Amino acid sequence: MLDISFLVLISIPIYLTVLLVGIKKKYSLQKQLLIFGFFAYLVAVVAVTLFPFPVQRNLIEHRREINYISNNFIPFKTILETINQGYGIRRALGGNLVLLMPLSIFLPLLSNKYMNISKITLIALTTSIGIELAQFTFSLFLGFNYRMTNIDDVILNTIGALISFIIFMPIAKYLKKTVQLSI
């Protein structure tokens, strides 16, 4: 299995490149820290949504034989099932609501062009669809569903990003005016 340590290993040179670009462009310490936080968040999203990734032939064959994960392309199906069953609500629904919340906080702080609910909605929706497409594509490549592709994840991820944007936006505007964030 490729695990999170593999992801961290390949992320280090990428971040060092980003850091060098920031130094060359003379970004403030605040902006550098914000970029680092955003990068760490993106690595965490990839880790949570795509890893561990099976690579051993015997493990892949075994998982193909017992493939028990099915995809969901019917909106609200798994949301309603989770609510009706009553268990795992916080983890299943809450995790998907929370996943893209930081995205709608980081982007407006990094650039004023993202202080717009339409742009945040489009970015959150596109990001969530990208995650689900990656999971679906990797599952096709492997020959079994190693991760569930679920339209409800897209819905919850996008709603979560919008909730955090609506809550955080007044705070971001206040901070940019009063604290004089030099981002």
C-alpha atoms as a PDB file:
ATOM      1  CA  MET A   1       0.000   0.000   0.000  1.00  0.00           C
ATOM      2  CA  LEU A   2       1.152   3.495  -0.759  1.00  0.00           C
ATOM      3  CA  ASP A   3       0.439   5.347   2.436  1.00  0.00           C
ATOM      4  CA  ILE A   4       0.589   8.916   3.672  1.00  0.00           C
ATOM      5  CA  SER A   5       4.374   8.798   4.149  1.00  0.00           C
ATOM      6  CA  PHE A   6       4.730   8.408   0.367  1.00  0.00           C
ATOM      7  CA  LEU A   7       2.521  11.456  -0.135  1.00  0.00           C
ATOM      8  CA  VAL A   8       4.533  13.516   2.347  1.00  0.00           C
ATOM      9  CA  LEU A   9       7.761  12.442   0.660  1.00  0.00           C
ATOM     10  CA  ILE A  10       6.647  13.671  -2.757  1.00  0.00           C
ATOM     11  CA  SER A  11       5.090  16.814  -1.247  1.00  0.00           C
ATOM     12  CA  ILE A  12       8.317  18.120   0.286  1.00  0.00           C
ATOM     13  CA  PRO A  13      10.092  19.023  -2.988  1.00  0.00           C
ATOM     14  CA  ILE A  14       6.871  20.540  -4.321  1.00  0.00           C
ATOM     15  CA  TYR A  15       6.509  22.746  -1.248  1.00  0.00           C
ATOM     16  CA  LEU A  16      10.176  23.744  -1.350  1.00  0.00           C
ATOM     17  CA  THR A  17       9.634  24.936  -4.926  1.00  0.00           C
ATOM     18  CA  VAL A  18       6.584  26.937  -3.820  1.00  0.00           C
ATOM     19  CA  LEU A  19       8.616  28.388  -0.931  1.00  0.00           C
ATOM     20  CA  LEU A  20      11.449  29.457  -3.241  1.00  0.00           C
ATOM     21  CA  VAL A  21       8.970  31.174  -5.578  1.00  0.00           C
ATOM     22  CA  GLY A  22       7.495  33.012  -2.567  1.00  0.00           C
ATOM     23  CA  ILE A  23      10.933  34.126  -1.418  1.00  0.00           C
ATOM     24  CA  LYS A  24      11.818  35.286  -4.931  1.00  0.00           C
ATOM     25  CA  LYS A  25       8.553  37.263  -5.145  1.00  0.00           C
ATOM     26  CA  LYS A  26       9.261  38.698  -1.667  1.00  0.00           C
ATOM     27  CA  TYR A  27       6.017  37.510  -0.073  1.00  0.00           C
ATOM     28  CA  SER A  28       5.470  38.652   3.505  1.00  0.00           C
ATOM     29  CA  LEU A  29       5.950  36.178   6.348  1.00  0.00           C
ATOM     30  CA  GLN A  30       2.159  36.195   6.820  1.00  0.00           C
ATOM     31  CA  LYS A  31       1.592  35.184   3.213  1.00  0.00           C
ATOM     32  CA  GLN A  32       4.329  32.529   3.368  1.00  0.00           C
ATOM     33  CA  LEU A  33       2.712  31.029   6.482  1.00  0.00           C
ATOM     34  CA  LEU A  34      -0.698  31.162   4.840  1.00  0.00           C
ATOM     35  CA  ILE A  35       0.659  29.415   1.738  1.00  0.00           C
ATOM     36  CA  PHE A  36       2.281  26.764   3.941  1.00  0.00           C
ATOM     37  CA  GLY A  37      -1.023  26.209   5.770  1.00  0.00           C
ATOM     38  CA  PHE A  38      -2.893  25.966   2.483  1.00  0.00           C
ATOM     39  CA  PHE A  39      -0.343  23.522   1.065  1.00  0.00           C
ATOM     40  CA  ALA A  40      -0.504  21.367   4.219  1.00  0.00           C
ATOM     41  CA  TYR A  41      -4.308  21.407   3.974  1.00  0.00           C
ATOM     42  CA  LEU A  42      -4.191  20.277   0.314  1.00  0.00           C
ATOM     43  CA  VAL A  43      -1.824  17.424   1.211  1.00  0.00           C
ATOM     44  CA  ALA A  44      -4.209  16.403   4.012  1.00  0.00           C
ATOM     45  CA  VAL A  45      -7.175  16.391   1.601  1.00  0.00           C
ATOM     46  CA  VAL A  46      -5.289  14.136  -0.816  1.00  0.00           C
ATOM     47  CA  ALA A  47      -4.231  11.889   2.088  1.00  0.00           C
ATOM     48  CA  VAL A  48      -7.786  11.540   3.401  1.00  0.00           C
ATOM     49  CA  THR A  49      -9.480  11.050   0.035  1.00  0.00           C
ATOM     50  CA  LEU A  50      -6.999   8.964  -1.979  1.00  0.00           C
ATOM     51  CA  PHE A  51      -4.710   7.127   0.461  1.00  0.00           C
ATOM     52  CA  PRO A  52      -3.805   4.429   1.332  1.00  0.00           C
ATOM     53  CA  PHE A  53      -3.545   3.278  -2.267  1.00  0.00           C
ATOM     54  CA  PRO A  54      -3.118  -0.450  -2.929  1.00  0.00           C
ATOM     55  CA  VAL A  55      -0.164  -1.410  -5.134  1.00  0.00           C
ATOM     56  CA  GLN A  56       0.632  -5.016  -4.142  1.00  0.00           C
ATOM     57  CA  ARG A  57      -0.674  -7.508  -6.704  1.00  0.00           C
ATOM     58  CA  ASN A  58      -1.936 -10.029  -4.114  1.00  0.00           C
ATOM     59  CA  LEU A  59      -3.791  -7.326  -2.177  1.00  0.00           C
ATOM     60  CA  ILE A  60      -5.396  -5.995  -5.356  1.00  0.00           C
ATOM     61  CA  GLU A  61      -6.492  -9.529  -6.374  1.00  0.00           C
ATOM     62  CA  HIS A  62      -7.931 -10.151  -2.903  1.00  0.00           C
ATOM     63  CA  ARG A  63      -9.821  -6.842  -2.931  1.00  0.00           C
ATOM     64  CA  ARG A  64     -11.214  -7.634  -6.398  1.00  0.00           C
ATOM     65  CA  GLU A  65     -12.634 -10.899  -5.037  1.00  0.00           C
ATOM     66  CA  ILE A  66     -14.336  -9.293  -2.029  1.00  0.00           C
ATOM     67  CA  ASN A  67     -15.293  -5.985  -3.627  1.00  0.00           C
ATOM     68  CA  TYR A  68     -18.069  -4.786  -1.344  1.00  0.00           C
ATOM     69  CA  ILE A  69     -17.964  -1.044  -1.971  1.00  0.00           C
ATOM     70  CA  SER A  70     -20.545   0.263  -4.403  1.00  0.00           C
ATOM     71  CA  ASN A  71     -20.707   3.698  -5.962  1.00  0.00           C
ATOM     72  CA  ASN A  72     -23.634   6.069  -5.510  1.00  0.00           C
ATOM     73  CA  PHE A  73     -24.806   8.325  -8.314  1.00  0.00           C
ATOM     74  CA  ILE A  74     -28.265   9.029  -6.830  1.00  0.00           C
ATOM     75  CA  PRO A  75     -28.345  12.406  -5.029  1.00  0.00           C
ATOM     76  CA  PHE A  76     -29.191  12.234  -1.303  1.00  0.00           C
ATOM     77  CA  LYS A  77     -29.361   8.407  -1.248  1.00  0.00           C
ATOM     78  CA  THR A  78     -26.478   7.802   1.175  1.00  0.00           C
ATOM     79  CA  ILE A  79     -27.286  10.946   3.153  1.00  0.00           C
ATOM     80  CA  LEU A  80     -30.811   9.652   3.843  1.00  0.00           C
ATOM     81  CA  GLU A  81     -29.550   6.109   4.530  1.00  0.00           C
ATOM     82  CA  THR A  82     -27.009   7.429   7.030  1.00  0.00           C
ATOM     83  CA  ILE A  83     -29.608   9.567   8.797  1.00  0.00           C
ATOM     84  CA  ASN A  84     -32.122   6.678   8.903  1.00  0.00           C
ATOM     85  CA  GLN A  85     -29.564   4.204  10.261  1.00  0.00           C
ATOM     86  CA  GLY A  86     -28.488   6.715  12.890  1.00  0.00           C
ATOM     87  CA  TYR A  87     -24.894   5.609  13.293  1.00  0.00           C
ATOM     88  CA  GLY A  88     -21.874   7.216  11.809  1.00  0.00           C
ATOM     89  CA  ILE A  89     -23.736  10.450  11.099  1.00  0.00           C
ATOM     90  CA  ARG A  90     -21.001  12.667  12.477  1.00  0.00           C
ATOM     91  CA  ARG A  91     -18.251  10.814  10.662  1.00  0.00           C
ATOM     92  CA  ALA A  92     -19.994  10.230   7.336  1.00  0.00           C
ATOM     93  CA  LEU A  93     -21.891  13.470   6.983  1.00  0.00           C
ATOM     94  CA  GLY A  94     -19.733  15.681   9.193  1.00  0.00           C
ATOM     95  CA  GLY A  95     -16.495  14.608   7.556  1.00  0.00           C
ATOM     96  CA  ASN A  96     -17.809  15.477   4.125  1.00  0.00           C
ATOM     97  CA  LEU A  97     -19.192  18.804   5.323  1.00  0.00           C
ATOM     98  CA  VAL A  98     -15.853  19.716   6.912  1.00  0.00           C
ATOM     99  CA  LEU A  99     -13.524  18.498   4.126  1.00  0.00           C
ATOM    100  CA  LEU A 100     -13.617  21.633   1.946  1.00  0.00           C
ATOM    101  CA  MET A 101     -14.391  24.205   4.647  1.00  0.00           C
ATOM    102  CA  PRO A 102     -10.741  25.314   4.895  1.00  0.00           C
ATOM    103  CA  LEU A 103     -10.643  25.793   1.114  1.00  0.00           C
ATOM    104  CA  SER A 104     -13.235  28.561   1.328  1.00  0.00           C
ATOM    105  CA  ILE A 105     -11.235  30.216   4.109  1.00  0.00           C
ATOM    106  CA  PHE A 106      -7.747  29.964   2.611  1.00  0.00           C
ATOM    107  CA  LEU A 107      -8.615  31.157  -0.897  1.00  0.00           C
ATOM    108  CA  PRO A 108     -10.146  34.530   0.102  1.00  0.00           C
ATOM    109  CA  LEU A 109      -7.212  35.142   2.447  1.00  0.00           C
ATOM    110  CA  LEU A 110      -4.726  34.373  -0.315  1.00  0.00           C
ATOM    111  CA  SER A 111      -6.434  36.575  -2.905  1.00  0.00           C
ATOM    112  CA  ASN A 112      -9.280  39.095  -2.956  1.00  0.00           C
ATOM    113  CA  LYS A 113     -10.539  37.623  -6.229  1.00  0.00           C
ATOM    114  CA  TYR A 114     -11.906  34.691  -4.203  1.00  0.00           C
ATOM    115  CA  MET A 115     -14.019  36.863  -1.894  1.00  0.00           C
ATOM    116  CA  ASN A 116     -17.019  35.964  -4.025  1.00  0.00           C
ATOM    117  CA  ILE A 117     -19.559  33.259  -3.193  1.00  0.00           C
ATOM    118  CA  SER A 118     -20.022  32.288  -6.857  1.00  0.00           C
ATOM    119  CA  LYS A 119     -16.293  31.647  -7.343  1.00  0.00           C
ATOM    120  CA  ILE A 120     -16.025  29.717  -4.076  1.00  0.00           C
ATOM    121  CA  THR A 121     -19.058  27.611  -5.023  1.00  0.00           C
ATOM    122  CA  LEU A 122     -17.568  26.793  -8.416  1.00  0.00           C
ATOM    123  CA  ILE A 123     -14.141  25.990  -6.956  1.00  0.00           C
ATOM    124  CA  ALA A 124     -15.605  23.809  -4.181  1.00  0.00           C
ATOM    125  CA  LEU A 125     -17.865  21.990  -6.636  1.00  0.00           C
ATOM    126  CA  THR A 126     -15.026  21.462  -9.117  1.00  0.00           C
ATOM    127  CA  THR A 127     -12.635  20.309  -6.385  1.00  0.00           C
ATOM    128  CA  SER A 128     -15.151  17.839  -5.000  1.00  0.00           C
ATOM    129  CA  ILE A 129     -16.007  16.465  -8.440  1.00  0.00           C
ATOM    130  CA  GLY A 130     -12.261  16.164  -9.121  1.00  0.00           C
ATOM    131  CA  ILE A 131     -11.786  14.107  -5.955  1.00  0.00           C
ATOM    132  CA  GLU A 132     -14.675  11.797  -6.839  1.00  0.00           C
ATOM    133  CA  LEU A 133     -13.449  11.434 -10.439  1.00  0.00           C
ATOM    134  CA  ALA A 134      -9.962  10.558  -9.178  1.00  0.00           C
ATOM    135  CA  GLN A 135     -11.421   7.903  -6.865  1.00  0.00           C
ATOM    136  CA  PHE A 136     -13.567   6.541  -9.706  1.00  0.00           C
ATOM    137  CA  THR A 137     -10.660   6.521 -12.190  1.00  0.00           C
ATOM    138  CA  PHE A 138      -8.297   4.814  -9.741  1.00  0.00           C
ATOM    139  CA  SER A 139     -11.005   2.235  -9.000  1.00  0.00           C
ATOM    140  CA  LEU A 140     -11.416   1.534 -12.732  1.00  0.00           C
ATOM    141  CA  PHE A 141      -7.641   1.195 -13.071  1.00  0.00           C
ATOM    142  CA  LEU A 142      -7.466  -1.224 -10.125  1.00  0.00           C
ATOM    143  CA  GLY A 143     -10.517  -3.229 -11.191  1.00  0.00           C
ATOM    144  CA  PHE A 144     -12.406  -2.734  -7.921  1.00  0.00           C
ATOM    145  CA  ASN A 145     -13.864   0.141  -5.917  1.00  0.00           C
ATOM    146  CA  TYR A 146     -11.091   0.970  -3.506  1.00  0.00           C
ATOM    147  CA  ARG A 147     -12.984   4.146  -2.598  1.00  0.00           C
ATOM    148  CA  MET A 148     -16.676   4.830  -3.012  1.00  0.00           C
ATOM    149  CA  THR A 149     -17.536   7.403  -5.667  1.00  0.00           C
ATOM    150  CA  ASN A 150     -20.516   9.234  -4.204  1.00  0.00           C
ATOM    151  CA  ILE A 151     -22.535  12.183  -5.518  1.00  0.00           C
ATOM    152  CA  ASP A 152     -23.582  12.891  -1.927  1.00  0.00           C
ATOM    153  CA  ASP A 153     -19.943  13.621  -1.082  1.00  0.00           C
ATOM    154  CA  VAL A 154     -19.966  16.310  -3.782  1.00  0.00           C
ATOM    155  CA  ILE A 155     -23.157  17.814  -2.339  1.00  0.00           C
ATOM    156  CA  LEU A 156     -21.894  17.800   1.264  1.00  0.00           C
ATOM    157  CA  ASN A 157     -18.385  19.044   0.369  1.00  0.00           C
ATOM    158  CA  THR A 158     -19.855  21.982  -1.545  1.00  0.00           C
ATOM    159  CA  ILE A 159     -22.385  22.839   1.178  1.00  0.00           C
ATOM    160  CA  GLY A 160     -19.622  22.719   3.792  1.00  0.00           C
ATOM    161  CA  ALA A 161     -17.438  25.106   1.791  1.00  0.00           C
ATOM    162  CA  LEU A 162     -20.370  27.507   1.405  1.00  0.00           C
ATOM    163  CA  ILE A 163     -21.202  27.400   5.116  1.00  0.00           C
ATOM    164  CA  SER A 164     -17.633  28.239   6.090  1.00  0.00           C
ATOM    165  CA  PHE A 165     -17.435  30.973   3.443  1.00  0.00           C
ATOM    166  CA  ILE A 166     -20.643  32.615   4.705  1.00  0.00           C
ATOM    167  CA  ILE A 167     -19.453  32.438   8.326  1.00  0.00           C
ATOM    168  CA  PHE A 168     -15.845  33.431   7.644  1.00  0.00           C
ATOM    169  CA  MET A 169     -16.275  36.174   5.054  1.00  0.00           C
ATOM    170  CA  PRO A 170     -17.303  38.948   7.489  1.00  0.00           C
ATOM    171  CA  ILE A 171     -14.397  37.948   9.745  1.00  0.00           C
ATOM    172  CA  ALA A 172     -11.947  38.023   6.809  1.00  0.00           C
ATOM    173  CA  LYS A 173     -13.135  41.463   5.725  1.00  0.00           C
ATOM    174  CA  TYR A 174     -12.810  42.753   9.288  1.00  0.00           C
ATOM    175  CA  LEU A 175      -9.318  41.298   9.676  1.00  0.00           C
ATOM    176  CA  LYS A 176      -8.132  42.742   6.384  1.00  0.00           C
ATOM    177  CA  LYS A 177      -9.350  46.214   7.435  1.00  0.00           C
ATOM    178  CA  THR A 178      -8.442  46.340  11.123  1.00  0.00           C
ATOM    179  CA  VAL A 179      -5.399  44.112  11.431  1.00  0.00           C
ATOM    180  CA  GLN A 180      -3.957  45.225   8.095  1.00  0.00           C
ATOM    181  CA  LEU A 181      -3.073  41.754   6.939  1.00  0.00           C
ATOM    182  CA  SER A 182      -0.252  42.221   4.487  1.00  0.00           C
ATOM    183  CA  ILE A 183      -1.083  39.235   2.359  1.00  0.00           C
END
